[in-house]
Amino acid sequence: MPMQIGLDELISMLLARIDNMTVESETQKSRFNIMFRMLYKKGLFSDEDAFNAVKDEHLILHELGLLKEMPDDTAIKGAADSLMLW
């Protein structure tokens, strides 16, 4: 005989899973923040490196057709600065 679960139980299980994924996401974000902060303080990458990486990423997305047009350097610098603050 198949096991039956109620709609409220199903919703509860899904919400618990979403909460768990949110916590995992925040943990990953904290780990990346710590690692990149250490690398930046050691001088292993610079603001210019962040700018170039953001520009390269946008170029790849543009070449794949996921971006209609390349953003200008001011927008890319803003994204790179935002990334460095994150």
N, C-alpha and C. Protein backbone atom coordinates (compact mmCIF):
# COMPACT_ATOMS: atom_id res chain seq x y z
N MET A 1 0.84 -1.18 0.00
CA MET A 1 0.00 0.00 0.00
C MET A 1 0.89 1.25 0.00
N PRO A 2 0.70 2.16 -0.95
CA PRO A 2 1.54 3.37 -1.02
C PRO A 2 1.32 4.28 0.19
N MET A 3 2.42 4.93 0.56
CA MET A 3 2.34 5.87 1.67
C MET A 3 1.77 7.19 1.18
N GLN A 4 0.87 7.75 1.93
CA GLN A 4 0.28 9.03 1.55
C GLN A 4 0.80 10.12 2.48
N ILE A 5 1.06 11.27 1.88
CA ILE A 5 1.42 12.42 2.70
C ILE A 5 0.49 13.55 2.33
N GLY A 6 0.23 14.37 3.31
CA GLY A 6 -0.66 15.49 3.09
C GLY A 6 0.05 16.64 2.41
N LEU A 7 -0.73 17.53 1.85
CA LEU A 7 -0.19 18.70 1.18
C LEU A 7 0.62 19.55 2.15
N ASP A 8 0.14 19.70 3.38
CA ASP A 8 0.87 20.51 4.36
C ASP A 8 2.22 19.89 4.70
N GLU A 9 2.30 18.55 4.72
CA GLU A 9 3.58 17.89 4.98
C GLU A 9 4.54 18.11 3.81
N LEU A 10 4.02 18.02 2.61
CA LEU A 10 4.84 18.24 1.43
C LEU A 10 5.37 19.67 1.39
N ILE A 11 4.52 20.62 1.65
CA ILE A 11 4.94 22.03 1.67
C ILE A 11 5.98 22.25 2.77
N SER A 12 5.76 21.64 3.92
CA SER A 12 6.71 21.78 5.04
C SER A 12 8.08 21.22 4.66
N MET A 13 8.09 20.06 3.99
CA MET A 13 9.37 19.47 3.57
C MET A 13 10.07 20.36 2.54
N LEU A 14 9.31 20.91 1.60
CA LEU A 14 9.91 21.77 0.57
C LEU A 14 10.46 23.06 1.19
N LEU A 15 9.74 23.65 2.11
CA LEU A 15 10.21 24.86 2.77
C LEU A 15 11.46 24.59 3.60
N ALA A 16 11.52 23.44 4.25
CA ALA A 16 12.71 23.08 5.02
C ALA A 16 13.91 22.94 4.09
N ARG A 17 13.70 22.36 2.92
CA ARG A 17 14.78 22.20 1.95
C ARG A 17 15.25 23.56 1.42
N ILE A 18 14.32 24.44 1.16
CA ILE A 18 14.67 25.79 0.69
C ILE A 18 15.46 26.53 1.77
N ASP A 19 15.03 26.42 3.03
CA ASP A 19 15.78 27.05 4.13
C ASP A 19 17.20 26.51 4.20
N ASN A 20 17.35 25.21 4.03
CA ASN A 20 18.67 24.58 4.06
C ASN A 20 19.54 25.10 2.92
N MET A 21 18.96 25.23 1.73
CA MET A 21 19.71 25.74 0.59
C MET A 21 20.13 27.19 0.81
N THR A 22 19.30 27.97 1.46
CA THR A 22 19.63 29.36 1.75
C THR A 22 20.82 29.44 2.69
N VAL A 23 20.81 28.62 3.73
CA VAL A 23 21.92 28.60 4.69
C VAL A 23 23.20 28.17 3.98
N GLU A 24 23.13 27.15 3.14
CA GLU A 24 24.30 26.69 2.40
C GLU A 24 24.85 27.79 1.49
N SER A 25 23.96 28.53 0.85
CA SER A 25 24.36 29.62 -0.03
C SER A 25 25.09 30.72 0.75
N GLU A 26 24.56 31.08 1.90
CA GLU A 26 25.21 32.10 2.72
C GLU A 26 26.56 31.63 3.23
N THR A 27 26.67 30.36 3.56
CA THR A 27 27.94 29.80 4.02
C THR A 27 28.97 29.87 2.90
N GLN A 28 28.57 29.49 1.70
CA GLN A 28 29.47 29.56 0.55
C GLN A 28 29.91 30.99 0.29
N LYS A 29 28.98 31.93 0.37
CA LYS A 29 29.30 33.33 0.13
C LYS A 29 30.33 33.81 1.15
N SER A 30 30.15 33.44 2.41
CA SER A 30 31.11 33.84 3.45
C SER A 30 32.48 33.25 3.18
N ARG A 31 32.52 31.99 2.79
CA ARG A 31 33.81 31.35 2.50
C ARG A 31 34.53 32.05 1.34
N PHE A 32 33.79 32.34 0.27
CA PHE A 32 34.40 33.05 -0.86
C PHE A 32 34.88 34.43 -0.45
N ASN A 33 34.09 35.14 0.36
CA ASN A 33 34.51 36.47 0.83
C ASN A 33 35.82 36.38 1.59
N ILE A 34 35.93 35.42 2.47
CA ILE A 34 37.14 35.26 3.28
C ILE A 34 38.33 34.91 2.39
N MET A 35 38.15 33.96 1.50
CA MET A 35 39.25 33.54 0.63
C MET A 35 39.73 34.68 -0.27
N PHE A 36 38.79 35.39 -0.90
CA PHE A 36 39.19 36.48 -1.78
C PHE A 36 39.81 37.63 -1.00
N ARG A 37 39.34 37.89 0.20
CA ARG A 37 39.93 38.94 1.02
C ARG A 37 41.39 38.59 1.34
N MET A 38 41.66 37.32 1.66
CA MET A 38 43.03 36.90 1.95
C MET A 38 43.92 37.06 0.72
N LEU A 39 43.42 36.64 -0.44
CA LEU A 39 44.21 36.75 -1.67
C LEU A 39 44.47 38.21 -2.04
N TYR A 40 43.47 39.06 -1.86
CA TYR A 40 43.63 40.47 -2.18
C TYR A 40 44.65 41.12 -1.25
N LYS A 41 44.57 40.81 0.04
CA LYS A 41 45.51 41.40 1.00
C LYS A 41 46.94 40.94 0.76
N LYS A 42 47.11 39.74 0.22
CA LYS A 42 48.45 39.24 -0.10
C LYS A 42 48.97 39.82 -1.42
N GLY A 43 48.13 40.56 -2.11
CA GLY A 43 48.55 41.19 -3.35
C GLY A 43 48.55 40.24 -4.54
N LEU A 44 47.79 39.15 -4.44
CA LEU A 44 47.75 38.19 -5.53
C LEU A 44 46.83 38.60 -6.67
N PHE A 45 45.97 39.56 -6.42
CA PHE A 45 45.20 40.17 -7.50
C PHE A 45 44.88 41.61 -7.12
N SER A 46 44.58 42.40 -8.13
CA SER A 46 44.39 43.84 -7.92
C SER A 46 43.02 44.27 -8.44
N ASP A 47 42.74 45.55 -8.27
CA ASP A 47 41.50 46.11 -8.82
C ASP A 47 41.47 45.97 -10.34
N GLU A 48 42.64 46.13 -10.96
CA GLU A 48 42.72 45.98 -12.41
C GLU A 48 42.42 44.54 -12.84
N ASP A 49 42.88 43.58 -12.04
CA ASP A 49 42.58 42.18 -12.33
C ASP A 49 41.07 41.93 -12.26
N ALA A 50 40.41 42.52 -11.28
CA ALA A 50 38.95 42.37 -11.15
C ALA A 50 38.26 42.98 -12.37
N PHE A 51 38.70 44.17 -12.80
CA PHE A 51 38.14 44.82 -13.98
C PHE A 51 38.28 43.93 -15.21
N ASN A 52 39.49 43.40 -15.41
CA ASN A 52 39.74 42.56 -16.58
C ASN A 52 38.92 41.27 -16.53
N ALA A 53 38.76 40.69 -15.35
CA ALA A 53 37.97 39.46 -15.22
C ALA A 53 36.49 39.72 -15.53
N VAL A 54 35.97 40.84 -15.04
CA VAL A 54 34.57 41.19 -15.33
C VAL A 54 34.39 41.45 -16.83
N LYS A 55 35.35 42.15 -17.42
CA LYS A 55 35.28 42.44 -18.86
C LYS A 55 35.33 41.13 -19.67
N ASP A 56 36.24 40.22 -19.28
CA ASP A 56 36.33 38.93 -19.97
C ASP A 56 35.03 38.14 -19.85
N GLU A 57 34.43 38.16 -18.68
CA GLU A 57 33.17 37.43 -18.47
C GLU A 57 32.07 37.99 -19.36
N HIS A 58 31.98 39.32 -19.42
CA HIS A 58 30.98 39.94 -20.28
C HIS A 58 31.24 39.64 -21.75
N LEU A 59 32.51 39.62 -22.13
CA LEU A 59 32.86 39.31 -23.52
C LEU A 59 32.43 37.89 -23.87
N ILE A 60 32.66 36.94 -22.98
CA ILE A 60 32.25 35.55 -23.22
C ILE A 60 30.74 35.47 -23.35
N LEU A 61 30.02 36.14 -22.43
CA LEU A 61 28.56 36.13 -22.49
C LEU A 61 28.06 36.76 -23.79
N HIS A 62 28.73 37.81 -24.23
CA HIS A 62 28.36 38.47 -25.49
C HIS A 62 28.60 37.54 -26.68
N GLU A 63 29.74 36.87 -26.69
CA GLU A 63 30.06 35.96 -27.79
C GLU A 63 29.11 34.77 -27.83
N LEU A 64 28.62 34.35 -26.67
CA LEU A 64 27.66 33.24 -26.61
C LEU A 64 26.25 33.68 -26.99
N GLY A 65 26.06 34.99 -27.11
CA GLY A 65 24.74 35.51 -27.46
C GLY A 65 23.84 35.74 -26.26
N LEU A 66 24.40 35.66 -25.06
CA LEU A 66 23.61 35.88 -23.85
C LEU A 66 23.50 37.36 -23.50
N LEU A 67 24.37 38.19 -24.07
CA LEU A 67 24.30 39.65 -23.94
C LEU A 67 24.16 40.23 -25.34
N LYS A 68 23.23 41.15 -25.50
CA LYS A 68 23.04 41.75 -26.82
C LYS A 68 24.20 42.65 -27.19
N GLU A 69 24.70 43.41 -26.21
CA GLU A 69 25.82 44.31 -26.48
C GLU A 69 26.72 44.35 -25.26
N MET A 70 27.97 44.67 -25.52
CA MET A 70 28.95 44.78 -24.44
C MET A 70 28.71 46.06 -23.65
N PRO A 71 28.74 45.99 -22.32
CA PRO A 71 28.64 47.21 -21.55
C PRO A 71 29.90 48.06 -21.73
N ASP A 72 29.75 49.36 -21.51
CA ASP A 72 30.92 50.23 -21.64
C ASP A 72 31.84 50.05 -20.42
N ASP A 73 33.04 50.62 -20.53
CA ASP A 73 34.04 50.44 -19.47
C ASP A 73 33.58 51.00 -18.13
N THR A 74 32.76 52.05 -18.16
CA THR A 74 32.26 52.63 -16.90
C THR A 74 31.37 51.63 -16.17
N ALA A 75 30.51 50.96 -16.91
CA ALA A 75 29.63 49.95 -16.31
C ALA A 75 30.44 48.76 -15.80
N ILE A 76 31.44 48.37 -16.58
CA ILE A 76 32.29 47.25 -16.16
C ILE A 76 33.08 47.62 -14.92
N LYS A 77 33.58 48.86 -14.87
CA LYS A 77 34.32 49.30 -13.67
C LYS A 77 33.40 49.31 -12.46
N GLY A 78 32.15 49.74 -12.65
CA GLY A 78 31.19 49.73 -11.55
C GLY A 78 30.94 48.32 -11.04
N ALA A 79 30.82 47.36 -11.97
CA ALA A 79 30.61 45.96 -11.58
C ALA A 79 31.84 45.42 -10.85
N ALA A 80 33.04 45.76 -11.35
CA ALA A 80 34.27 45.31 -10.71
C ALA A 80 34.42 45.91 -9.32
N ASP A 81 34.11 47.20 -9.18
CA ASP A 81 34.17 47.84 -7.87
C ASP A 81 33.18 47.21 -6.90
N SER A 82 32.00 46.93 -7.40
CA SER A 82 30.98 46.27 -6.58
C SER A 82 31.46 44.90 -6.13
N LEU A 83 32.09 44.18 -7.05
CA LEU A 83 32.62 42.86 -6.72
C LEU A 83 33.69 42.97 -5.64
N MET A 84 34.54 43.97 -5.74
CA MET A 84 35.60 44.13 -4.75
C MET A 84 35.04 44.50 -3.37
N LEU A 85 33.92 45.22 -3.35
CA LEU A 85 33.29 45.56 -2.07
C LEU A 85 32.54 44.39 -1.47
N TRP A 86 32.06 43.49 -2.32
CA TRP A 86 31.30 42.35 -1.87
C TRP A 86 32.19 41.44 -1.08
